[in-house]
Amino acid sequence: MRITLGINLPVMGPEHHSRVAIVTDSTAALPPRVVAHYGIKVVPLQLHIGDRHTDEAHADPDEVARALHGDTPVTTSEPPSPEFFWTYSDAAYTGYREIVSLHISSRLSQTSHSAREAASRMRIPVHVVDSLTSGMSLGFLAVLATEAAMAGWSAAQIVRLLEERKAHGSQMIYVDTLEHLRRGGRIGKAAALLGSALSIKPLLELAEGEIVPLARVSGTQRALARLVDVGVKLSDNRPVDAAVEYVDEPRRAEEVARQMRARVPHLRRLVVTRASAVIAAHLGPGAVGLAVSPCGPGR
């Protein structure tokens, strides 16, 4: 499977060995088939579900959803630095000469800091990029970086491309309640929406690396319809890739995807995928994310 991001890169077959390895983290929410096809290296974030410690690679999303619905606390943390070190070392051992390591916003997680600690101990160059986003907005950037690497771009060229393109992707979020963001300390400027009536559903977005309010809408269906309206407006009648992520309500995600297909005339690729369990822990049950990534040159 190939996700084309429209920068006219000649993508070679999976047997091609580029000189640059691409590493991301599990909050990118990339479907496993995409990870396998591109050979993207994914470092999992850590999860604490009640008294049990695990990482996202071994966490059951349904278990996380059940915990969020009940009284079992779910907390998260960045990968320890050795996880990055061994991932980078494996890449170097298999013949990569440089690494681009692209991660969740540093305003939401210490993941980039942990990656930089490991990078400082490597013998090959490791370029750590703070994506200032998460979810499939990060996932699309990781695919973009991989396609550039497979086309023969250097790490420096890929980093420049990512720095330019990360400003043009959008990540919007619907949540049933702000309580989980508040508990996890990730609420940011969206705290201004606390105290709204229960019927008022918040729409949020990631802007400059932090969660900020986008709109307040009465009722879930109206809020999801507004989410689509924003996605359509951001597509601006040009080629885009989009992804819909869900925590535990796949029918909500499918409806958002159906409307995006119907209303975005130049939708090149649409991915529906389960949200990262780490992100789900902060958004809570019922949450839906919508990522829109423009194809071709940035705005």
Protein backbone atom coordinates (compact mmCIF):
# COMPACT_ATOMS: atom_id res chain seq x y z
CA MET A 1 0.00 0.00 0.00
CA ARG A 2 1.28 3.43 -0.85
CA ILE A 3 0.10 6.75 0.56
CA THR A 4 1.10 9.39 -1.94
CA LEU A 5 1.61 12.86 -0.57
CA GLY A 6 1.98 14.57 -3.89
CA ILE A 7 5.51 15.93 -4.01
CA ASN A 8 6.35 14.03 -7.22
CA LEU A 9 8.90 11.74 -5.61
CA PRO A 10 9.86 8.64 -7.57
CA VAL A 11 9.10 5.93 -5.01
CA MET A 12 11.04 2.73 -5.42
CA GLY A 13 9.91 -0.73 -4.40
CA PRO A 14 10.12 -2.02 -0.81
CA GLU A 15 13.38 -3.82 -1.63
CA HIS A 16 15.13 -0.47 -2.09
CA HIS A 17 17.44 0.40 0.78
CA SER A 18 17.70 4.13 1.33
CA ARG A 19 20.57 5.71 3.21
CA VAL A 20 18.24 7.46 5.67
CA ALA A 21 16.11 5.64 8.23
CA ILE A 22 12.86 7.22 9.37
CA VAL A 23 11.81 6.81 12.99
CA THR A 24 8.59 8.03 14.57
CA ASP A 25 6.59 7.21 17.68
CA SER A 26 3.35 5.36 18.31
CA THR A 27 1.22 8.50 18.62
CA ALA A 28 1.45 8.76 14.82
CA ALA A 29 -1.38 6.18 14.67
CA LEU A 30 -0.07 4.71 11.42
CA PRO A 31 -1.97 1.57 10.37
CA PRO A 32 0.26 -1.52 10.76
CA ARG A 33 0.11 -2.28 7.02
CA VAL A 34 1.57 1.16 6.26
CA VAL A 35 4.35 0.72 8.82
CA ALA A 36 5.20 -2.69 7.38
CA HIS A 37 5.16 -1.54 3.75
CA TYR A 38 7.40 1.47 4.31
CA GLY A 39 9.63 -0.02 6.97
CA ILE A 40 9.04 2.95 9.28
CA LYS A 41 10.52 2.35 12.72
CA VAL A 42 7.99 3.13 15.47
CA VAL A 43 9.04 3.63 19.10
CA PRO A 44 6.12 3.01 21.48
CA LEU A 45 5.17 5.39 24.28
CA GLN A 46 4.52 4.02 27.76
CA LEU A 47 1.15 3.29 29.36
CA HIS A 48 0.13 2.67 32.96
CA ILE A 49 -3.31 1.02 33.17
CA GLY A 50 -4.16 0.85 36.84
CA ASP A 51 -1.22 -0.98 38.43
CA ARG A 52 -0.03 -2.50 35.14
CA HIS A 53 2.82 -0.97 33.15
CA THR A 54 3.10 -1.66 29.43
CA ASP A 55 3.88 0.13 26.21
CA GLU A 56 1.71 0.95 23.25
CA ALA A 57 3.06 -1.92 21.17
CA HIS A 58 1.60 -4.36 23.71
CA ALA A 59 -1.49 -2.47 24.87
CA ASP A 60 -4.97 -3.64 23.89
CA PRO A 61 -6.94 -0.58 22.68
CA ASP A 62 -10.17 -2.16 23.93
CA GLU A 63 -8.65 -2.58 27.39
CA VAL A 64 -7.67 1.09 27.37
CA ALA A 65 -11.19 2.09 26.28
CA ARG A 66 -12.76 -0.01 29.05
CA ALA A 67 -10.45 1.57 31.60
CA LEU A 68 -11.39 5.05 30.40
CA HIS A 69 -15.09 4.21 30.73
CA GLY A 70 -14.56 2.93 34.27
CA ASP A 71 -12.61 4.04 37.31
CA THR A 72 -9.24 2.55 36.30
CA PRO A 73 -6.67 5.34 35.91
CA VAL A 74 -4.69 5.43 32.66
CA THR A 75 -1.52 7.51 32.51
CA THR A 76 1.17 7.84 29.87
CA SER A 77 4.83 8.74 29.57
CA GLU A 78 7.49 9.13 26.91
CA PRO A 79 9.65 6.20 25.78
CA PRO A 80 12.83 5.85 27.86
CA SER A 81 15.97 7.00 26.08
CA PRO A 82 17.36 3.44 25.71
CA GLU A 83 14.34 2.53 23.53
CA PHE A 84 15.47 5.14 21.05
CA PHE A 85 19.12 4.18 21.38
CA TRP A 86 18.47 0.55 20.46
CA THR A 87 16.14 1.54 17.61
CA TYR A 88 18.80 3.86 16.22
CA SER A 89 21.50 1.23 16.75
CA ASP A 90 19.50 -1.39 14.85
CA ALA A 91 19.11 1.06 11.96
CA ALA A 92 22.84 1.74 11.92
CA TYR A 93 23.63 -1.99 12.08
CA THR A 94 21.45 -2.69 9.04
CA GLY A 95 23.33 -0.13 6.97
CA TYR A 96 21.55 3.21 7.33
CA ARG A 97 23.98 6.14 7.40
CA GLU A 98 21.66 8.79 8.83
CA ILE A 99 18.41 8.87 10.79
CA VAL A 100 15.51 11.32 10.83
CA SER A 101 13.50 10.88 14.03
CA LEU A 102 10.12 12.63 13.91
CA HIS A 103 7.93 12.92 17.01
CA ILE A 104 4.86 14.17 18.83
CA SER A 105 4.81 17.85 19.79
CA SER A 106 7.23 18.67 22.60
CA ARG A 107 4.42 20.70 24.17
CA LEU A 108 2.47 17.50 24.70
CA SER A 109 5.22 15.01 25.53
CA GLN A 110 8.89 14.68 26.45
CA THR A 111 9.36 12.15 23.64
CA SER A 112 11.61 14.42 21.54
CA HIS A 113 13.78 15.09 24.60
CA SER A 114 14.21 11.36 25.16
CA ALA A 115 15.07 10.91 21.47
CA ARG A 116 17.70 13.66 21.61
CA GLU A 117 19.37 12.04 24.62
CA ALA A 118 19.73 8.82 22.64
CA ALA A 119 20.84 10.68 19.49
CA SER A 120 23.72 12.27 21.39
CA ARG A 121 25.19 8.80 21.98
CA MET A 122 25.04 7.63 18.37
CA ARG A 123 27.97 7.36 15.97
CA ILE A 124 25.85 8.19 12.93
CA PRO A 125 23.95 11.49 12.57
CA VAL A 126 20.44 11.48 14.06
CA HIS A 127 18.20 14.46 13.27
CA VAL A 128 15.35 14.79 15.79
CA VAL A 129 12.37 16.79 14.49
CA ASP A 130 9.62 18.14 16.74
CA SER A 131 6.52 17.79 14.55
CA LEU A 132 4.41 20.16 16.69
CA THR A 133 1.52 17.76 16.10
CA SER A 134 0.37 14.21 16.72
CA GLY A 135 -1.98 11.59 15.35
CA MET A 136 -2.14 11.02 11.62
CA SER A 137 -0.86 14.55 11.00
CA LEU A 138 2.38 13.14 12.37
CA GLY A 139 1.77 9.90 10.49
CA PHE A 140 1.45 11.67 7.14
CA LEU A 141 4.74 13.49 7.82
CA ALA A 142 6.46 10.18 8.60
CA VAL A 143 5.24 8.72 5.29
CA LEU A 144 6.34 11.85 3.46
CA ALA A 145 9.80 11.55 5.01
CA THR A 146 10.02 7.88 4.08
CA GLU A 147 9.06 8.50 0.46
CA ALA A 148 11.71 11.22 0.28
CA ALA A 149 14.30 8.86 1.78
CA MET A 150 13.37 6.13 -0.70
CA ALA A 151 13.79 8.67 -3.51
CA GLY A 152 17.37 9.30 -2.40
CA TRP A 153 17.01 12.55 -0.47
CA SER A 154 19.59 13.31 2.20
CA ALA A 155 18.63 13.67 5.86
CA ALA A 156 19.20 17.44 5.68
CA GLN A 157 16.86 17.71 2.68
CA ILE A 158 14.22 15.64 4.45
CA VAL A 159 14.44 17.77 7.59
CA ARG A 160 13.98 20.94 5.54
CA LEU A 161 10.98 19.39 3.81
CA LEU A 162 9.42 18.41 7.14
CA GLU A 163 9.99 21.83 8.68
CA GLU A 164 8.19 23.40 5.74
CA ARG A 165 5.35 20.90 5.51
CA LYS A 166 4.54 20.56 9.20
CA ALA A 167 3.15 24.10 9.21
CA HIS A 168 0.50 23.19 6.63
CA GLY A 169 -1.09 20.05 8.05
CA SER A 170 -4.09 20.29 10.37
CA GLN A 171 -5.21 18.08 13.25
CA MET A 172 -8.70 18.65 14.63
CA ILE A 173 -10.27 16.78 17.53
CA TYR A 174 -13.79 16.17 18.80
CA VAL A 175 -14.11 15.08 22.45
CA ASP A 176 -17.18 14.15 24.45
CA THR A 177 -15.67 15.83 27.50
CA LEU A 178 -12.55 17.79 28.45
CA GLU A 179 -12.15 15.87 31.69
CA HIS A 180 -9.51 13.43 30.43
CA LEU A 181 -7.38 16.24 28.97
CA ARG A 182 -7.68 18.10 32.26
CA ARG A 183 -6.64 15.06 34.30
CA GLY A 184 -3.65 14.39 32.07
CA GLY A 185 -2.43 17.98 32.13
CA ARG A 186 -2.65 18.32 28.33
CA ILE A 187 -5.60 20.67 28.19
CA GLY A 188 -3.61 23.81 27.34
CA LYS A 189 -5.65 26.76 26.13
CA ALA A 190 -8.71 24.52 25.80
CA ALA A 191 -9.12 25.05 29.56
CA ALA A 192 -11.13 28.11 28.56
CA LEU A 193 -13.94 25.71 27.56
CA LEU A 194 -14.16 24.03 30.97
CA GLY A 195 -17.45 24.57 32.72
CA SER A 196 -19.54 24.53 29.54
CA ALA A 197 -22.93 22.85 29.70
CA LEU A 198 -22.87 19.08 29.21
CA SER A 199 -24.72 19.43 25.91
CA ILE A 200 -21.96 21.67 24.53
CA LYS A 201 -19.35 19.57 22.75
CA PRO A 202 -15.86 21.00 22.29
CA LEU A 203 -13.93 20.95 19.04
CA LEU A 204 -10.20 21.37 19.44
CA GLU A 205 -7.16 21.68 17.21
CA LEU A 206 -3.43 21.39 17.51
CA ALA A 207 -1.90 24.80 16.82
CA GLU A 208 1.83 25.47 17.20
CA GLY A 209 2.14 22.25 19.14
CA GLU A 210 -0.57 22.68 21.75
CA ILE A 211 -4.27 21.99 22.09
CA VAL A 212 -6.43 25.06 21.57
CA PRO A 213 -10.19 25.63 21.26
CA LEU A 214 -11.70 25.52 17.78
CA ALA A 215 -15.46 25.73 18.43
CA ARG A 216 -18.26 24.90 20.85
CA VAL A 217 -21.23 23.10 19.35
CA SER A 218 -24.47 21.81 20.84
CA GLY A 219 -24.73 18.04 20.53
CA THR A 220 -22.47 15.31 19.18
CA GLN A 221 -23.91 15.09 15.67
CA ARG A 222 -23.70 18.84 15.12
CA ALA A 223 -20.15 18.85 16.47
CA LEU A 224 -19.04 16.09 14.10
CA ALA A 225 -20.76 17.88 11.20
CA ARG A 226 -18.81 21.03 12.12
CA LEU A 227 -15.62 18.95 12.22
CA VAL A 228 -16.30 17.96 8.61
CA ASP A 229 -17.11 21.57 7.68
CA VAL A 230 -13.69 22.63 8.99
CA GLY A 231 -11.98 19.79 7.13
CA VAL A 232 -13.70 20.76 3.88
CA LYS A 233 -12.71 24.40 4.33
CA LEU A 234 -9.09 23.44 5.01
CA SER A 235 -8.98 21.33 1.85
CA ASP A 236 -9.59 24.59 -0.04
CA ASN A 237 -10.58 22.78 -3.26
CA ARG A 238 -7.10 21.32 -3.76
CA PRO A 239 -5.60 17.82 -3.46
CA VAL A 240 -5.38 16.66 0.15
CA ASP A 241 -4.85 13.49 2.14
CA ALA A 242 -7.07 12.99 5.16
CA ALA A 243 -7.36 10.59 8.07
CA VAL A 244 -10.10 9.97 10.61
CA GLU A 245 -9.06 8.48 13.95
CA TYR A 246 -11.37 7.11 16.63
CA VAL A 247 -11.03 5.89 20.21
CA ASP A 248 -13.98 3.50 20.55
CA GLU A 249 -16.72 4.75 18.22
CA PRO A 250 -15.85 3.49 14.72
CA ARG A 251 -19.30 4.44 13.37
CA ARG A 252 -18.62 8.09 14.18
CA ALA A 253 -15.35 7.86 12.27
CA GLU A 254 -16.99 6.17 9.28
CA GLU A 255 -19.65 8.89 9.11
CA VAL A 256 -17.01 11.63 9.17
CA ALA A 257 -15.10 9.74 6.47
CA ARG A 258 -18.26 9.34 4.37
CA GLN A 259 -18.95 13.07 4.48
CA MET A 260 -15.33 13.91 3.65
CA ARG A 261 -15.49 11.61 0.60
CA ALA A 262 -18.70 13.27 -0.55
CA ARG A 263 -17.63 16.86 0.00
CA VAL A 264 -13.90 17.05 -0.79
CA PRO A 265 -13.55 16.84 -4.59
CA HIS A 266 -9.78 16.33 -4.64
CA LEU A 267 -9.43 13.86 -1.78
CA ARG A 268 -6.49 11.72 -2.84
CA ARG A 269 -6.27 9.36 0.09
CA LEU A 270 -8.55 8.80 3.08
CA VAL A 271 -7.44 6.64 6.00
CA VAL A 272 -9.74 5.51 8.83
CA THR A 273 -7.74 4.14 11.75
CA ARG A 274 -7.87 3.63 15.47
CA ALA A 275 -6.30 6.40 17.51
CA SER A 276 -3.11 5.80 19.41
CA ALA A 277 -3.92 4.31 22.83
CA VAL A 278 -1.70 6.98 24.39
CA ILE A 279 -3.67 9.75 22.70
CA ALA A 280 -6.93 7.98 23.58
CA ALA A 281 -5.94 8.08 27.25
CA HIS A 282 -5.92 11.88 27.10
CA LEU A 283 -8.95 12.41 24.85
CA GLY A 284 -11.30 9.91 26.45
CA PRO A 285 -14.06 7.68 25.07
CA GLY A 286 -15.96 8.87 22.03
CA ALA A 287 -13.22 11.11 20.69
CA VAL A 288 -12.68 11.47 16.94
CA GLY A 289 -9.74 13.13 15.21
CA LEU A 290 -9.53 14.50 11.68
CA ALA A 291 -6.19 15.15 10.00
CA VAL A 292 -5.94 17.05 6.70
CA SER A 293 -2.63 17.16 4.87
CA PRO A 294 -2.26 19.16 1.63
CA CYS A 295 -0.57 17.47 -1.33
CA GLY A 296 1.94 19.27 -3.48
CA PRO A 297 3.77 22.43 -2.42
CA GLY A 298 2.72 23.99 0.89
CA ARG A 299 0.40 26.92 1.11
